[in-house]
C-alpha cells in the first residue's frame, strides 16, 4: 500500500513543505520505505503506479511532482531513489 501526505493548507502563499510518500505493509501498518524529498502543497491525484517499481506523485499549485523507484534488496530492505 502506498500513502502520501500533503500540506493541509490550500493557499498558494502557504509555506511549501516536503511531501512524504511511503509504502506500508497493509496487515500491520509497518512503514517499509519512505521518500520525502519533493515539494507538495495539496495532493491532486492518488500516487500512480508507473510500472517497473516506479511511482509518480503530483502536488498542486505548481509545487511539484516526483517519480521514485522502489526496489526490494536481497536483505529484505527497500531502496528508494528519484527515478530518471
PDB file of N, CA and C in Angstrom:
ATOM      1  N   UNK A   1       0.843  -1.155   0.000  1.00  0.00           N
ATOM      2  CA  UNK A   1       0.000   0.000   0.000  1.00  0.00           C
ATOM      3  C   UNK A   1       0.896   1.228   0.000  1.00  0.00           C
ATOM      4  N   UNK A   2       0.558   2.213  -0.826  1.00  0.00           N
ATOM      5  CA  UNK A   2       1.324   3.453  -0.905  1.00  0.00           C
ATOM      6  C   UNK A   2       0.477   4.579  -0.337  1.00  0.00           C
ATOM      7  N   UNK A   3       1.092   5.402   0.496  1.00  0.00           N
ATOM      8  CA  UNK A   3       0.408   6.515   1.134  1.00  0.00           C
ATOM      9  C   UNK A   3       1.258   7.749   0.954  1.00  0.00           C
ATOM     10  N   UNK A   4       0.639   8.886   0.629  1.00  0.00           N
ATOM     11  CA  UNK A   4       1.403  10.129   0.559  1.00  0.00           C
ATOM     12  C   UNK A   4       0.711  11.189   1.394  1.00  0.00           C
ATOM     13  N   UNK A   5       1.507  12.002   2.068  1.00  0.00           N
ATOM     14  CA  UNK A   5       0.958  13.068   2.897  1.00  0.00           C
ATOM     15  C   UNK A   5       1.168  14.394   2.198  1.00  0.00           C
ATOM     16  N   UNK A   6       0.443  15.393   2.634  1.00  0.00           N
ATOM     17  CA  UNK A   6       0.438  16.679   1.964  1.00  0.00           C
ATOM     18  C   UNK A   6       0.289  17.796   2.980  1.00  0.00           C
ATOM     19  N   UNK A   7       0.650  18.995   2.566  1.00  0.00           N
ATOM     20  CA  UNK A   7       0.415  20.186   3.357  1.00  0.00           C
ATOM     21  C   UNK A   7      -1.086  20.440   3.349  1.00  0.00           C
ATOM     22  N   UNK A   8      -1.706  20.596   4.492  1.00  0.00           N
ATOM     23  CA  UNK A   8      -3.166  20.752   4.526  1.00  0.00           C
ATOM     24  C   UNK A   8      -3.633  22.149   4.173  1.00  0.00           C
ATOM     25  N   UNK A   9      -2.727  23.110   4.073  1.00  0.00           N
ATOM     26  CA  UNK A   9      -3.126  24.456   3.682  1.00  0.00           C
ATOM     27  C   UNK A   9      -3.363  24.482   2.181  1.00  0.00           C
ATOM     28  N   UNK A  10      -4.454  25.076   1.765  1.00  0.00           N
ATOM     29  CA  UNK A  10      -4.789  25.094   0.344  1.00  0.00           C
ATOM     30  C   UNK A  10      -4.693  26.505  -0.214  1.00  0.00           C
ATOM     31  N   UNK A  11      -3.598  27.156   0.012  1.00  0.00           N
ATOM     32  CA  UNK A  11      -3.422  28.519  -0.465  1.00  0.00           C
ATOM     33  C   UNK A  11      -2.053  28.648  -1.102  1.00  0.00           C
ATOM     34  N   UNK A  12      -1.998  29.345  -2.239  1.00  0.00           N
ATOM     35  CA  UNK A  12      -0.740  29.481  -2.972  1.00  0.00           C
ATOM     36  C   UNK A  12       0.394  30.064  -2.137  1.00  0.00           C
ATOM     37  N   UNK A  13       0.077  30.937  -1.205  1.00  0.00           N
ATOM     38  CA  UNK A  13       1.108  31.600  -0.422  1.00  0.00           C
ATOM     39  C   UNK A  13       1.498  30.829   0.838  1.00  0.00           C
ATOM     40  N   UNK A  14       0.888  29.681   1.052  1.00  0.00           N
ATOM     41  CA  UNK A  14       1.235  28.874   2.232  1.00  0.00           C
ATOM     42  C   UNK A  14       2.658  28.343   2.090  1.00  0.00           C
ATOM     43  N   UNK A  15       3.274  28.101   3.200  1.00  0.00           N
ATOM     44  CA  UNK A  15       4.644  27.588   3.215  1.00  0.00           C
ATOM     45  C   UNK A  15       4.721  26.254   2.467  1.00  0.00           C
ATOM     46  N   UNK A  16       5.745  26.106   1.651  1.00  0.00           N
ATOM     47  CA  UNK A  16       5.969  24.841   0.959  1.00  0.00           C
ATOM     48  C   UNK A  16       6.620  23.873   1.939  1.00  0.00           C
ATOM     49  N   UNK A  17       6.006  22.734   2.126  1.00  0.00           N
ATOM     50  CA  UNK A  17       6.545  21.710   3.000  1.00  0.00           C
ATOM     51  C   UNK A  17       6.872  20.474   2.182  1.00  0.00           C
ATOM     52  N   UNK A  18       7.849  19.697   2.614  1.00  0.00           N
ATOM     53  CA  UNK A  18       8.159  18.479   1.860  1.00  0.00           C
ATOM     54  C   UNK A  18       6.984  17.508   1.860  1.00  0.00           C
ATOM     55  N   UNK A  19       6.681  16.971   0.693  1.00  0.00           N
ATOM     56  CA  UNK A  19       5.701  15.909   0.601  1.00  0.00           C
ATOM     57  C   UNK A  19       6.355  14.628   1.088  1.00  0.00           C
ATOM     58  N   UNK A  20       5.563  13.696   1.533  1.00  0.00           N
ATOM     59  CA  UNK A  20       6.100  12.437   2.054  1.00  0.00           C
ATOM     60  C   UNK A  20       5.302  11.300   1.439  1.00  0.00           C
ATOM     61  N   UNK A  21       5.998  10.358   0.883  1.00  0.00           N
ATOM     62  CA  UNK A  21       5.343   9.184   0.319  1.00  0.00           C
ATOM     63  C   UNK A  21       5.992   7.955   0.942  1.00  0.00           C
ATOM     64  N   UNK A  22       5.162   6.991   1.295  1.00  0.00           N
ATOM     65  CA  UNK A  22       5.712   5.804   1.946  1.00  0.00           C
ATOM     66  C   UNK A  22       4.933   4.568   1.556  1.00  0.00           C
ATOM     67  N   UNK A  23       5.611   3.443   1.637  1.00  0.00           N
ATOM     68  CA  UNK A  23       4.987   2.145   1.414  1.00  0.00           C
ATOM     69  C   UNK A  23       4.703   1.504   2.754  1.00  0.00           C
ATOM     70  N   UNK A  24       3.478   1.046   2.939  1.00  0.00           N
ATOM     71  CA  UNK A  24       3.070   0.434   4.201  1.00  0.00           C
ATOM     72  C   UNK A  24       2.699  -1.020   4.001  1.00  0.00           C
ATOM     73  N   UNK A  25       2.962  -1.834   4.988  1.00  0.00           N
ATOM     74  CA  UNK A  25       2.502  -3.216   4.995  1.00  0.00           C
ATOM     75  C   UNK A  25       1.051  -3.185   5.481  1.00  0.00           C
ATOM     76  N   UNK A  26       0.078  -3.526   4.627  1.00  0.00           N
ATOM     77  CA  UNK A  26      -1.331  -3.374   4.981  1.00  0.00           C
ATOM     78  C   UNK A  26      -1.750  -4.117   6.249  1.00  0.00           C
ATOM     79  N   UNK A  27      -1.188  -5.280   6.502  1.00  0.00           N
ATOM     80  CA  UNK A  27      -1.590  -6.091   7.643  1.00  0.00           C
ATOM     81  C   UNK A  27      -1.217  -5.466   8.982  1.00  0.00           C
ATOM     82  N   UNK A  28      -0.116  -4.697   9.014  1.00  0.00           N
ATOM     83  CA  UNK A  28       0.383  -4.182  10.289  1.00  0.00           C
ATOM     84  C   UNK A  28       0.537  -2.667  10.334  1.00  0.00           C
ATOM     85  N   UNK A  29       0.547  -2.006   9.174  1.00  0.00           N
ATOM     86  CA  UNK A  29       0.802  -0.570   9.135  1.00  0.00           C
ATOM     87  C   UNK A  29       2.285  -0.235   9.215  1.00  0.00           C
ATOM     88  N   UNK A  30       3.131  -1.262   9.233  1.00  0.00           N
ATOM     89  CA  UNK A  30       4.579  -1.051   9.286  1.00  0.00           C
ATOM     90  C   UNK A  30       5.036  -0.259   8.058  1.00  0.00           C
ATOM     91  N   UNK A  31       5.878   0.749   8.290  1.00  0.00           N
ATOM     92  CA  UNK A  31       6.452   1.522   7.182  1.00  0.00           C
ATOM     93  C   UNK A  31       7.601   0.714   6.596  1.00  0.00           C
ATOM     94  N   UNK A  32       7.491   0.354   5.317  1.00  0.00           N
ATOM     95  CA  UNK A  32       8.517  -0.432   4.643  1.00  0.00           C
ATOM     96  C   UNK A  32       9.578   0.453   3.999  1.00  0.00           C
ATOM     97  N   UNK A  33       9.152   1.615   3.495  1.00  0.00           N
ATOM     98  CA  UNK A  33      10.061   2.559   2.860  1.00  0.00           C
ATOM     99  C   UNK A  33       9.404   3.928   2.862  1.00  0.00           C
ATOM    100  N   UNK A  34      10.203   4.988   2.694  1.00  0.00           N
ATOM    101  CA  UNK A  34       9.629   6.325   2.554  1.00  0.00           C
ATOM    102  C   UNK A  34      10.563   7.245   1.788  1.00  0.00           C
ATOM    103  N   UNK A  35       9.967   8.276   1.206  1.00  0.00           N
ATOM    104  CA  UNK A  35      10.688   9.292   0.433  1.00  0.00           C
ATOM    105  C   UNK A  35      10.046  10.633   0.775  1.00  0.00           C
ATOM    106  N   UNK A  36      10.850  11.622   1.127  1.00  0.00           N
ATOM    107  CA  UNK A  36      10.277  12.923   1.497  1.00  0.00           C
ATOM    108  C   UNK A  36      11.066  14.083   0.892  1.00  0.00           C
ATOM    109  N   UNK A  37      11.555  13.901  -0.295  1.00  0.00           N
ATOM    110  CA  UNK A  37      12.381  14.927  -0.920  1.00  0.00           C
ATOM    111  C   UNK A  37      11.690  15.535  -2.138  1.00  0.00           C
ATOM    112  N   UNK A  38      10.461  16.031  -1.943  1.00  0.00           N
ATOM    113  CA  UNK A  38       9.789  16.734  -3.033  1.00  0.00           C
ATOM    114  C   UNK A  38       8.836  17.749  -2.444  1.00  0.00           C
ATOM    115  N   UNK A  39       8.584  18.825  -3.174  1.00  0.00           N
ATOM    116  CA  UNK A  39       7.695  19.889  -2.705  1.00  0.00           C
ATOM    117  C   UNK A  39       6.253  19.527  -3.027  1.00  0.00           C
ATOM    118  N   UNK A  40       5.358  19.833  -2.088  1.00  0.00           N
ATOM    119  CA  UNK A  40       3.957  19.490  -2.270  1.00  0.00           C
ATOM    120  C   UNK A  40       3.102  20.488  -1.522  1.00  0.00           C
ATOM    121  N   UNK A  41       1.975  20.853  -2.087  1.00  0.00           N
ATOM    122  CA  UNK A  41       1.019  21.726  -1.424  1.00  0.00           C
ATOM    123  C   UNK A  41      -0.240  20.942  -1.098  1.00  0.00           C
ATOM    124  N   UNK A  42      -0.811  20.334  -2.112  1.00  0.00           N
ATOM    125  CA  UNK A  42      -2.018  19.540  -1.938  1.00  0.00           C
ATOM    126  C   UNK A  42      -1.957  18.406  -2.958  1.00  0.00           C
ATOM    127  N   UNK A  43      -2.303  17.245  -2.536  1.00  0.00           N
ATOM    128  CA  UNK A  43      -2.283  16.095  -3.439  1.00  0.00           C
ATOM    129  C   UNK A  43      -3.390  16.268  -4.472  1.00  0.00           C
ATOM    130  N   UNK A  44      -3.055  16.228  -5.764  1.00  0.00           N
ATOM    131  CA  UNK A  44      -4.070  16.417  -6.793  1.00  0.00           C
ATOM    132  C   UNK A  44      -4.527  15.108  -7.419  1.00  0.00           C
ATOM    133  N   UNK A  45      -3.828  14.044  -7.138  1.00  0.00           N
ATOM    134  CA  UNK A  45      -4.215  12.718  -7.640  1.00  0.00           C
ATOM    135  C   UNK A  45      -3.596  11.680  -6.725  1.00  0.00           C
ATOM    136  N   UNK A  46      -4.164  10.505  -6.687  1.00  0.00           N
ATOM    137  CA  UNK A  46      -3.519   9.445  -5.898  1.00  0.00           C
ATOM    138  C   UNK A  46      -2.143   9.125  -6.484  1.00  0.00           C
ATOM    139  N   UNK A  47      -1.286   8.554  -5.680  1.00  0.00           N
ATOM    140  CA  UNK A  47       0.001   8.091  -6.200  1.00  0.00           C
ATOM    141  C   UNK A  47      -0.282   7.091  -7.316  1.00  0.00           C
ATOM    142  N   UNK A  48       0.457   7.214  -8.406  1.00  0.00           N
ATOM    143  CA  UNK A  48       0.219   6.389  -9.588  1.00  0.00           C
ATOM    144  C   UNK A  48       1.333   5.377  -9.789  1.00  0.00           C
ATOM    145  N   UNK A  49       0.959   4.149 -10.053  1.00  0.00           N
ATOM    146  CA  UNK A  49       1.917   3.094 -10.366  1.00  0.00           C
ATOM    147  C   UNK A  49       2.347   3.275 -11.814  1.00  0.00           C
ATOM    148  N   UNK A  50       3.621   3.597 -12.031  1.00  0.00           N
ATOM    149  CA  UNK A  50       4.141   3.810 -13.379  1.00  0.00           C
ATOM    150  C   UNK A  50       4.844   2.571 -13.919  1.00  0.00           C
ATOM    151  N   UNK A  51       4.733   1.450 -13.203  1.00  0.00           N
ATOM    152  CA  UNK A  51       5.339   0.199 -13.651  1.00  0.00           C
ATOM    153  C   UNK A  51       6.816   0.112 -13.306  1.00  0.00           C
ATOM    154  N   UNK A  52       7.335  -1.102 -13.284  1.00  0.00           N
ATOM    155  CA  UNK A  52       8.750  -1.379 -13.026  1.00  0.00           C
ATOM    156  C   UNK A  52       9.236  -0.756 -11.718  1.00  0.00           C
ATOM    157  N   UNK A  53       8.372  -0.746 -10.679  1.00  0.00           N
ATOM    158  CA  UNK A  53       8.755  -0.212  -9.383  1.00  0.00           C
ATOM    159  C   UNK A  53       8.719   1.294  -9.271  1.00  0.00           C
ATOM    160  N   UNK A  54       8.213   1.974 -10.295  1.00  0.00           N
ATOM    161  CA  UNK A  54       8.181   3.430 -10.295  1.00  0.00           C
ATOM    162  C   UNK A  54       6.816   3.933  -9.829  1.00  0.00           C
ATOM    163  N   UNK A  55       6.837   5.017  -9.058  1.00  0.00           N
ATOM    164  CA  UNK A  55       5.621   5.629  -8.539  1.00  0.00           C
ATOM    165  C   UNK A  55       5.692   7.125  -8.822  1.00  0.00           C
ATOM    166  N   UNK A  56       4.582   7.686  -9.308  1.00  0.00           N
ATOM    167  CA  UNK A  56       4.505   9.119  -9.587  1.00  0.00           C
ATOM    168  C   UNK A  56       3.527   9.754  -8.602  1.00  0.00           C
ATOM    169  N   UNK A  57       3.941  10.882  -8.003  1.00  0.00           N
ATOM    170  CA  UNK A  57       3.055  11.680  -7.156  1.00  0.00           C
ATOM    171  C   UNK A  57       3.102  13.119  -7.653  1.00  0.00           C
ATOM    172  N   UNK A  58       1.955  13.797  -7.601  1.00  0.00           N
ATOM    173  CA  UNK A  58       1.853  15.155  -8.125  1.00  0.00           C
ATOM    174  C   UNK A  58       1.201  16.048  -7.080  1.00  0.00           C
ATOM    175  N   UNK A  59       1.830  17.197  -6.807  1.00  0.00           N
ATOM    176  CA  UNK A  59       1.274  18.201  -5.901  1.00  0.00           C
ATOM    177  C   UNK A  59       0.746  19.368  -6.716  1.00  0.00           C
ATOM    178  N   UNK A  60      -0.279  20.019  -6.232  1.00  0.00           N
ATOM    179  CA  UNK A  60      -0.916  21.105  -6.968  1.00  0.00           C
ATOM    180  C   UNK A  60      -0.257  22.455  -6.765  1.00  0.00           C
ATOM    181  N   UNK A  61      -0.817  23.457  -7.439  1.00  0.00           N
ATOM    182  CA  UNK A  61      -0.384  24.849  -7.338  1.00  0.00           C
ATOM    183  C   UNK A  61       1.076  25.028  -7.707  1.00  0.00           C
ATOM    184  N   UNK A  62       1.529  24.352  -8.750  1.00  0.00           N
ATOM    185  CA  UNK A  62       2.901  24.490  -9.236  1.00  0.00           C
ATOM    186  C   UNK A  62       3.950  24.160  -8.182  1.00  0.00           C
ATOM    187  N   UNK A  63       3.642  23.267  -7.252  1.00  0.00           N
ATOM    188  CA  UNK A  63       4.573  22.953  -6.188  1.00  0.00           C
ATOM    189  C   UNK A  63       5.209  21.585  -6.311  1.00  0.00           C
ATOM    190  N   UNK A  64       5.126  20.957  -7.433  1.00  0.00           N
ATOM    191  CA  UNK A  64       5.970  19.810  -7.636  1.00  0.00           C
ATOM    192  C   UNK A  64       5.331  18.479  -7.956  1.00  0.00           C
ATOM    193  N   UNK A  65       6.182  17.625  -8.427  1.00  0.00           N
ATOM    194  CA  UNK A  65       5.855  16.233  -8.698  1.00  0.00           C
ATOM    195  C   UNK A  65       7.131  15.442  -8.526  1.00  0.00           C
ATOM    196  N   UNK A  66       6.965  14.162  -8.350  1.00  0.00           N
ATOM    197  CA  UNK A  66       8.132  13.303  -8.206  1.00  0.00           C
ATOM    198  C   UNK A  66       7.820  11.944  -8.796  1.00  0.00           C
ATOM    199  N   UNK A  67       8.846  11.326  -9.363  1.00  0.00           N
ATOM    200  CA  UNK A  67       8.758   9.930  -9.758  1.00  0.00           C
ATOM    201  C   UNK A  67       9.898   9.227  -9.040  1.00  0.00           C
ATOM    202  N   UNK A  68       9.540   8.243  -8.245  1.00  0.00           N
ATOM    203  CA  UNK A  68      10.540   7.497  -7.492  1.00  0.00           C
ATOM    204  C   UNK A  68      10.550   6.049  -7.948  1.00  0.00           C
ATOM    205  N   UNK A  69      11.639   5.393  -7.672  1.00  0.00           N
ATOM    206  CA  UNK A  69      11.772   3.969  -7.971  1.00  0.00           C
ATOM    207  C   UNK A  69      12.044   3.238  -6.667  1.00  0.00           C
ATOM    208  N   UNK A  70      11.224   2.231  -6.405  1.00  0.00           N
ATOM    209  CA  UNK A  70      11.344   1.438  -5.183  1.00  0.00           C
ATOM    210  C   UNK A  70      11.772   0.028  -5.574  1.00  0.00           C
ATOM    211  N   UNK A  71      12.847  -0.448  -4.957  1.00  0.00           N
ATOM    212  CA  UNK A  71      13.338  -1.797  -5.237  1.00  0.00           C
ATOM    213  C   UNK A  71      13.570  -2.539  -3.929  1.00  0.00           C
ATOM    214  N   UNK A  72      13.158  -3.795  -3.893  1.00  0.00           N
ATOM    215  CA  UNK A  72      13.425  -4.633  -2.729  1.00  0.00           C
ATOM    216  C   UNK A  72      14.796  -5.269  -2.923  1.00  0.00           C
ATOM    217  N   UNK A  73      15.652  -5.111  -1.917  1.00  0.00           N
ATOM    218  CA  UNK A  73      17.008  -5.638  -1.997  1.00  0.00           C
ATOM    219  C   UNK A  73      17.051  -7.061  -1.438  1.00  0.00           C
ATOM    220  N   UNK A  74      18.160  -7.735  -1.645  1.00  0.00           N
ATOM    221  CA  UNK A  74      18.311  -9.126  -1.210  1.00  0.00           C
ATOM    222  C   UNK A  74      18.124  -9.312   0.292  1.00  0.00           C
ATOM    223  N   UNK A  75      18.481  -8.296   1.083  1.00  0.00           N
ATOM    224  CA  UNK A  75      18.370  -8.414   2.545  1.00  0.00           C
ATOM    225  C   UNK A  75      16.956  -8.110   3.056  1.00  0.00           C
ATOM    226  N   UNK A  76      16.011  -7.853   2.138  1.00  0.00           N
ATOM    227  CA  UNK A  76      14.626  -7.595   2.517  1.00  0.00           C
ATOM    228  C   UNK A  76      14.299  -6.126   2.738  1.00  0.00           C
ATOM    229  N   UNK A  77      15.331  -5.268   2.782  1.00  0.00           N
ATOM    230  CA  UNK A  77      15.113  -3.827   2.907  1.00  0.00           C
ATOM    231  C   UNK A  77      14.745  -3.264   1.538  1.00  0.00           C
ATOM    232  N   UNK A  78      14.342  -1.988   1.512  1.00  0.00           N
ATOM    233  CA  UNK A  78      13.949  -1.346   0.259  1.00  0.00           C
ATOM    234  C   UNK A  78      14.861  -0.193  -0.059  1.00  0.00           C
ATOM    235  N   UNK A  79      15.152  -0.013  -1.327  1.00  0.00           N
ATOM    236  CA  UNK A  79      15.909   1.107  -1.837  1.00  0.00           C
ATOM    237  C   UNK A  79      14.904   2.046  -2.502  1.00  0.00           C
ATOM    238  N   UNK A  80      14.961   3.339  -2.159  1.00  0.00           N
ATOM    239  CA  UNK A  80      14.071   4.338  -2.745  1.00  0.00           C
ATOM    240  C   UNK A  80      14.934   5.462  -3.293  1.00  0.00           C
ATOM    241  N   UNK A  81      14.758   5.775  -4.579  1.00  0.00           N
ATOM    242  CA  UNK A  81      15.520   6.852  -5.183  1.00  0.00           C
ATOM    243  C   UNK A  81      14.678   7.553  -6.225  1.00  0.00           C
ATOM    244  N   UNK A  82      15.065   8.769  -6.560  1.00  0.00           N
ATOM    245  CA  UNK A  82      14.368   9.512  -7.606  1.00  0.00           C
ATOM    246  C   UNK A  82      14.642   8.809  -8.922  1.00  0.00           C
ATOM    247  N   UNK A  83      13.580   8.514  -9.667  1.00  0.00           N
ATOM    248  CA  UNK A  83      13.720   7.830 -10.962  1.00  0.00           C
ATOM    249  C   UNK A  83      14.092   8.834 -12.035  1.00  0.00           C
ATOM    250  N   UNK A  84      14.859   8.379 -12.973  1.00  0.00           N
ATOM    251  CA  UNK A  84      15.265   9.252 -14.088  1.00  0.00           C
ATOM    252  C   UNK A  84      14.540   8.868 -15.337  1.00  0.00           C
TER     253      UNK A  84
END
